[in-house]
Protein backbone atom coordinates (compact mmCIF):
# COMPACT_ATOMS: atom_id res chain seq x y z
CA MET A 1 -13.76 -10.74 -7.91
CA LEU A 2 -11.21 -9.37 -10.40
CA LYS A 3 -13.91 -8.50 -12.94
CA SER A 4 -16.15 -6.76 -10.40
CA THR A 5 -13.55 -4.98 -8.22
CA GLY A 6 -10.37 -4.89 -10.28
CA ILE A 7 -8.49 -6.50 -7.37
CA ALA A 8 -6.68 -9.78 -7.92
CA THR A 9 -7.62 -12.70 -5.70
CA LYS A 10 -5.17 -14.61 -3.53
CA GLU A 11 -5.42 -17.52 -5.98
CA ASP A 12 -4.56 -15.23 -8.91
CA LEU A 13 -1.51 -13.82 -7.13
CA GLU A 14 -0.20 -17.24 -6.12
CA LYS A 15 0.17 -18.03 -9.83
CA VAL A 16 2.51 -15.09 -10.53
CA ILE A 17 4.47 -14.39 -7.32
CA PRO A 18 7.99 -15.89 -7.55
CA PRO A 19 9.01 -18.57 -5.03
CA LYS A 20 10.82 -17.41 -1.88
CA GLU A 21 14.06 -18.93 -3.13
CA ARG A 22 14.02 -16.69 -6.20
CA LEU A 23 13.04 -13.59 -4.21
CA ALA A 24 16.02 -14.21 -1.95
CA ARG A 25 18.39 -13.98 -4.94
CA GLY A 26 17.58 -10.39 -5.93
CA PRO A 27 15.27 -8.28 -8.10
CA VAL A 28 12.65 -10.03 -10.21
CA ALA A 29 9.61 -8.94 -12.18
CA ILE A 30 6.07 -9.80 -11.11
CA ILE A 31 3.45 -9.66 -13.84
CA GLU A 32 -0.03 -9.22 -12.38
CA CYS A 33 -1.84 -9.62 -15.70
CA PHE A 34 -4.79 -12.01 -15.49
CA GLU A 35 -7.07 -11.11 -18.40
CA ARG A 36 -6.85 -12.62 -21.89
CA ILE A 37 -6.49 -9.59 -24.14
CA PRO A 38 -4.59 -8.95 -27.41
CA CYS A 39 -1.43 -7.42 -25.94
CA ASN A 40 2.25 -8.40 -25.95
CA PRO A 41 4.56 -5.34 -25.47
CA CYS A 42 6.05 -7.00 -22.38
CA TYR A 43 7.34 -9.87 -24.52
CA THR A 44 8.71 -7.67 -27.31
CA SER A 45 10.47 -5.35 -24.81
CA CYS A 46 12.25 -8.12 -22.87
CA LYS A 47 15.70 -8.44 -24.44
CA ARG A 48 16.72 -11.31 -22.13
CA GLY A 49 13.87 -13.55 -23.27
CA ALA A 50 12.58 -13.95 -19.72
CA ILE A 51 9.02 -13.26 -20.89
CA LYS A 52 8.11 -16.13 -23.17
CA GLU A 53 6.81 -15.70 -26.69
CA PHE A 54 3.03 -15.85 -26.89
CA GLU A 55 1.47 -18.73 -28.81
CA ASP A 56 -1.68 -16.59 -29.01
CA ILE A 57 -1.67 -12.78 -28.80
CA ASN A 58 -4.44 -13.10 -26.19
CA ASP A 59 -2.37 -15.27 -23.84
CA CYS A 60 -1.39 -14.05 -20.39
CA PRO A 61 2.38 -13.45 -20.04
CA LYS A 62 4.64 -16.19 -18.72
CA LEU A 63 7.87 -15.23 -16.97
CA ASP A 64 10.98 -17.36 -16.46
CA TYR A 65 12.11 -16.20 -13.00
CA ASP A 66 15.60 -17.63 -13.44
CA ILE A 67 16.28 -15.60 -16.59
CA CYS A 68 14.71 -12.36 -15.33
CA ASN A 69 17.20 -9.95 -13.72
CA GLY A 70 14.64 -7.34 -12.65
CA CYS A 71 15.84 -4.66 -15.10
CA GLY A 72 12.32 -3.20 -15.26
CA VAL A 73 12.24 -2.41 -18.98
CA CYS A 74 8.93 -4.25 -19.25
CA ILE A 75 7.33 -1.99 -16.59
CA SER A 76 7.33 1.15 -18.73
CA ASN A 77 6.21 -0.79 -21.81
CA CYS A 78 3.13 -2.38 -20.22
CA PRO A 79 0.00 -0.40 -21.21
CA GLY A 80 -1.97 -2.07 -18.42
CA LEU A 81 0.40 -0.97 -15.60
CA ALA A 82 0.46 -4.60 -14.50
CA ILE A 83 4.19 -5.22 -14.09
CA PHE A 84 6.32 -4.53 -11.02
CA VAL A 85 9.84 -5.40 -9.91
CA VAL A 86 10.51 -6.46 -6.32
CA ASP A 87 13.95 -6.68 -4.72
CA GLU A 88 13.74 -8.17 -1.23
CA THR A 89 17.54 -8.07 -0.91
CA TYR A 90 17.63 -4.25 -1.01
CA SER A 91 18.48 -4.03 2.71
CA GLU A 92 18.08 -6.00 5.93
CA SER A 93 14.72 -4.38 6.69
CA GLU A 94 13.48 -2.93 3.40
CA ALA A 95 12.49 -4.10 -0.05
CA LEU A 96 12.75 -2.05 -3.24
CA ILE A 97 9.67 -1.90 -5.46
CA LYS A 98 9.69 -0.51 -8.99
CA LEU A 99 6.22 0.47 -10.14
CA PRO A 100 4.62 2.42 -12.99
CA TYR A 101 3.26 5.88 -12.23
CA GLU A 102 1.29 7.90 -14.80
CA PHE A 103 0.14 10.86 -12.71
CA VAL A 104 1.64 14.34 -12.49
CA PRO A 105 3.51 15.78 -10.79
CA LEU A 106 6.04 13.01 -10.41
CA PRO A 107 7.56 12.52 -6.97
CA LYS A 108 11.13 13.58 -6.28
CA GLU A 109 13.95 11.35 -5.15
CA GLY A 110 14.17 11.42 -1.37
CA ASP A 111 10.48 12.21 -0.87
CA PHE A 112 8.49 10.24 1.67
CA ILE A 113 5.13 9.18 0.28
CA THR A 114 2.40 6.64 1.08
CA GLY A 115 2.48 3.15 -0.43
CA LEU A 116 -0.97 1.94 -1.44
CA ASP A 117 -2.24 -1.63 -1.71
CA ARG A 118 -4.08 -3.08 -4.69
CA ALA A 119 -7.35 -1.57 -3.45
CA GLY A 120 -5.79 1.89 -3.24
CA LYS A 121 -5.73 1.92 0.57
CA PRO A 122 -2.74 3.26 2.54
CA ALA A 123 -0.40 0.41 3.49
CA CYS A 124 2.86 1.94 4.72
CA ARG A 125 5.26 4.84 4.49
CA ALA A 126 7.69 4.61 1.57
CA LYS A 127 10.74 6.55 0.40
CA VAL A 128 11.27 7.49 -3.25
CA ILE A 129 14.68 6.16 -4.27
CA ARG A 130 14.64 6.82 -7.99
CA VAL A 131 12.38 8.26 -10.69
CA GLN A 132 12.92 7.08 -14.27
CA ASN A 133 11.08 9.22 -16.82
CA SER A 134 11.89 8.22 -20.38
CA ARG A 135 11.98 10.92 -23.01
CA ALA A 136 9.85 8.70 -25.19
CA GLN A 137 6.27 9.96 -24.83
CA ASP A 138 4.82 6.47 -25.06
CA ARG A 139 6.76 5.16 -22.05
CA THR A 140 5.38 5.19 -18.54
CA PRO A 141 7.58 6.67 -15.78
CA VAL A 142 8.93 4.14 -13.27
CA VAL A 143 9.28 5.00 -9.59
CA SER A 144 11.46 2.96 -7.22
CA LEU A 145 10.25 2.86 -3.61
CA ALA A 146 11.90 1.56 -0.46
CA VAL A 147 9.25 -0.04 1.77
CA PRO A 148 9.35 -2.23 4.90
CA ARG A 149 10.10 -5.73 3.64
CA GLU A 150 6.80 -7.13 4.92
CA PHE A 151 4.99 -4.86 2.44
CA SER A 152 6.90 -6.01 -0.66
CA MET A 153 3.89 -7.99 -1.91
CA VAL A 154 1.36 -5.42 -0.73
CA VAL A 155 2.37 -2.04 -2.16
CA ARG A 156 1.37 -1.67 -5.80
CA SER A 157 0.68 2.04 -6.11
CA MET A 158 1.36 5.25 -4.24
CA SER A 159 0.03 8.61 -3.10
CA LEU A 160 2.25 11.66 -2.90
CA ASP A 161 0.62 12.55 0.42
CA ASP A 162 2.66 11.37 3.39
CA TYR A 163 -0.14 9.90 5.51
CA TYR A 164 2.38 8.32 7.85
CA SER A 165 4.25 11.49 8.75
CA ASP A 166 4.54 12.10 12.49
CA ASN A 167 2.65 15.38 11.92
CA THR A 168 -0.40 13.63 10.50
CA ILE A 169 -3.53 14.22 12.61
CA VAL A 170 -4.91 10.85 13.71
CA CYS A 171 -7.68 12.07 16.05
CA ARG A 172 -9.29 15.15 14.55
CA CYS A 173 -11.60 15.66 17.52
CA GLU A 174 -8.73 15.96 20.03
CA GLU A 175 -6.01 16.96 17.50
CA VAL A 176 -3.68 14.09 18.40
CA THR A 177 -0.91 13.39 15.87
CA LEU A 178 0.55 10.13 14.65
CA GLY A 179 3.87 11.11 16.24
CA GLU A 180 2.17 11.38 19.63
CA ILE A 181 0.56 7.96 19.20
CA ARG A 182 3.92 6.43 18.31
CA GLU A 183 5.51 8.02 21.37
CA TYR A 184 2.77 6.59 23.64
CA ILE A 185 3.39 3.12 22.15
CA ARG A 186 7.15 3.47 22.73
CA LYS A 187 6.38 4.31 26.36
CA GLY A 188 4.42 1.08 26.75
CA TYR A 189 0.82 2.06 26.04
CA THR A 190 -0.04 -0.81 23.71
CA THR A 191 -3.84 -1.08 23.82
CA VAL A 192 -6.45 1.22 22.36
CA ASP A 193 -7.99 1.79 25.80
CA GLN A 194 -4.64 2.79 27.32
CA ILE A 195 -3.98 5.28 24.54
CA LYS A 196 -7.57 6.53 24.80
CA ARG A 197 -7.17 7.27 28.52
CA ILE A 198 -3.88 9.13 28.21
CA SER A 199 -4.57 11.02 24.96
CA ARG A 200 -8.42 11.33 24.88
CA CYS A 201 -8.41 9.75 21.40
CA GLY A 202 -11.90 8.38 20.82
CA MET A 203 -13.55 10.64 23.38
CA GLY A 204 -14.59 13.32 20.91
CA PRO A 205 -17.84 13.76 18.95
CA CYS A 206 -17.04 10.96 16.47
CA GLN A 207 -16.43 8.44 19.29
CA GLY A 208 -13.27 7.12 17.68
CA ARG A 209 -14.72 6.20 14.31
CA THR A 210 -11.75 7.72 12.51
CA CYS A 211 -8.88 7.35 14.95
CA THR A 212 -9.52 3.90 16.45
CA PRO A 213 -8.69 1.90 13.27
CA LEU A 214 -5.57 4.03 12.73
CA ILE A 215 -4.39 3.52 16.31
CA MET A 216 -4.99 -0.24 16.03
CA GLN A 217 -2.98 -0.31 12.82
CA GLU A 218 -0.08 1.50 14.50
CA ILE A 219 -0.17 -0.80 17.56
CA SER A 220 -0.18 -3.83 15.26
CA ARG A 221 2.82 -2.52 13.32
CA ALA A 222 4.80 -1.71 16.47
CA THR A 223 4.04 -4.86 18.48
CA GLY A 224 3.58 -7.50 15.79
CA GLN A 225 0.08 -8.33 17.00
CA SER A 226 -2.64 -9.05 14.48
CA ILE A 227 -5.25 -6.30 14.23
CA ALA A 228 -7.90 -9.01 14.59
CA ASP A 229 -6.51 -9.84 18.04
CA LEU A 230 -6.61 -6.27 19.33
CA LYS A 231 -9.54 -5.25 21.51
CA THR A 232 -11.65 -2.30 20.44
CA PRO A 233 -12.86 0.18 23.07
CA THR A 234 -16.44 0.19 24.28
CA TYR A 235 -18.75 2.36 22.21
CA ARG A 236 -21.32 4.20 24.29
CA PRO A 237 -24.53 5.84 23.08
CA PRO A 238 -25.24 7.83 21.10
CA THR A 239 -23.62 5.54 18.54
CA VAL A 240 -24.31 8.14 15.85
CA PRO A 241 -23.38 11.80 16.45
CA ILE A 242 -26.45 13.95 17.12
CA LYS A 243 -27.03 17.61 17.90
CA LEU A 244 -27.42 18.72 21.52
CA GLY A 245 -30.75 20.28 20.58
CA GLN A 246 -32.19 16.83 19.99
CA LEU A 247 -31.18 15.73 23.48
CA THR A 248 -32.84 18.75 25.11
CA GLY A 249 -35.98 18.46 23.02
CA GLY A 250 -35.37 21.83 21.49
CA GLU A 251 -35.38 20.61 17.93
CA ASN A 252 -38.07 18.93 15.89
CA ASP A 253 -36.84 15.38 15.33
CA GLU A 254 -39.80 14.06 13.37
C-alpha cells in the first residue's frame, strides 16, 4: 500500500509509534520513514544520540525513545519530511505536533488552520502555536500545531484554509454553515435526519452528497459515536441530479 498510495499501513505505523508510557512523559519524535534509501541526515543532526548510527546507509532510522527529548532538530534536517514530534502532555485536552512545512506563505502564530491526515484529508481544526524558519536555506521550516489530543497520531500535514471555521458553508444548496450545525447539535439534534428536518440540509439539488458526510463527522465528534454507527438519511430518486427539462420531456435525452 505504501508504494502505491504513499500512505503508511497500520502495521508500518505500529513499528514507529512510541508506547503510551513514553507518550505520557512528554514530547518525543516519531520517524515515519519506511523505505530503504541512502539517507542519514536525521542521525547526523541528533546531538543526543537518540537516533542510532546506521550500520548501512540504506537502513531505516531507529530511535531510542528514552533518550529523545523531542527537540525537533531532526525534523528540519529530514529531506523526506518523515519526522514529527508529538507532545501529548501539552494540555489536558490538546496535543502539540511539530511538523515540517515547505509551502509558502508560512502560517502565522495564532492562526487557525486545518490539520490533514496522511492522505491529505481534513481531520480537525488546529491552532498554530509556533513557526520556526531557520535562516539556513537548506532547512525546512517547522510548524507547531495544537490539536485535539485524539488527533495526535492522525494529523501529519496542514492546510492554511480553516475548513472548520463556524462560517464554513456545509450545505451549499441551502447555505447552512458549520456554526449552525454545531448549534443544532448543542440543542439536542444529534441525528442526520433531525438536522435535515430543521435546517433543510440534504434537501437541495445534490440530495446531501456534500453535506451529509460533513454533518455525520460533526455529530460523531460532538457525541463520541462512531460514524459507522450513524444512520444516513433516505436517498430518494433521482439519485443523480438531472435537468427539469428531462422530466418534462422537453429535452432530447438520447
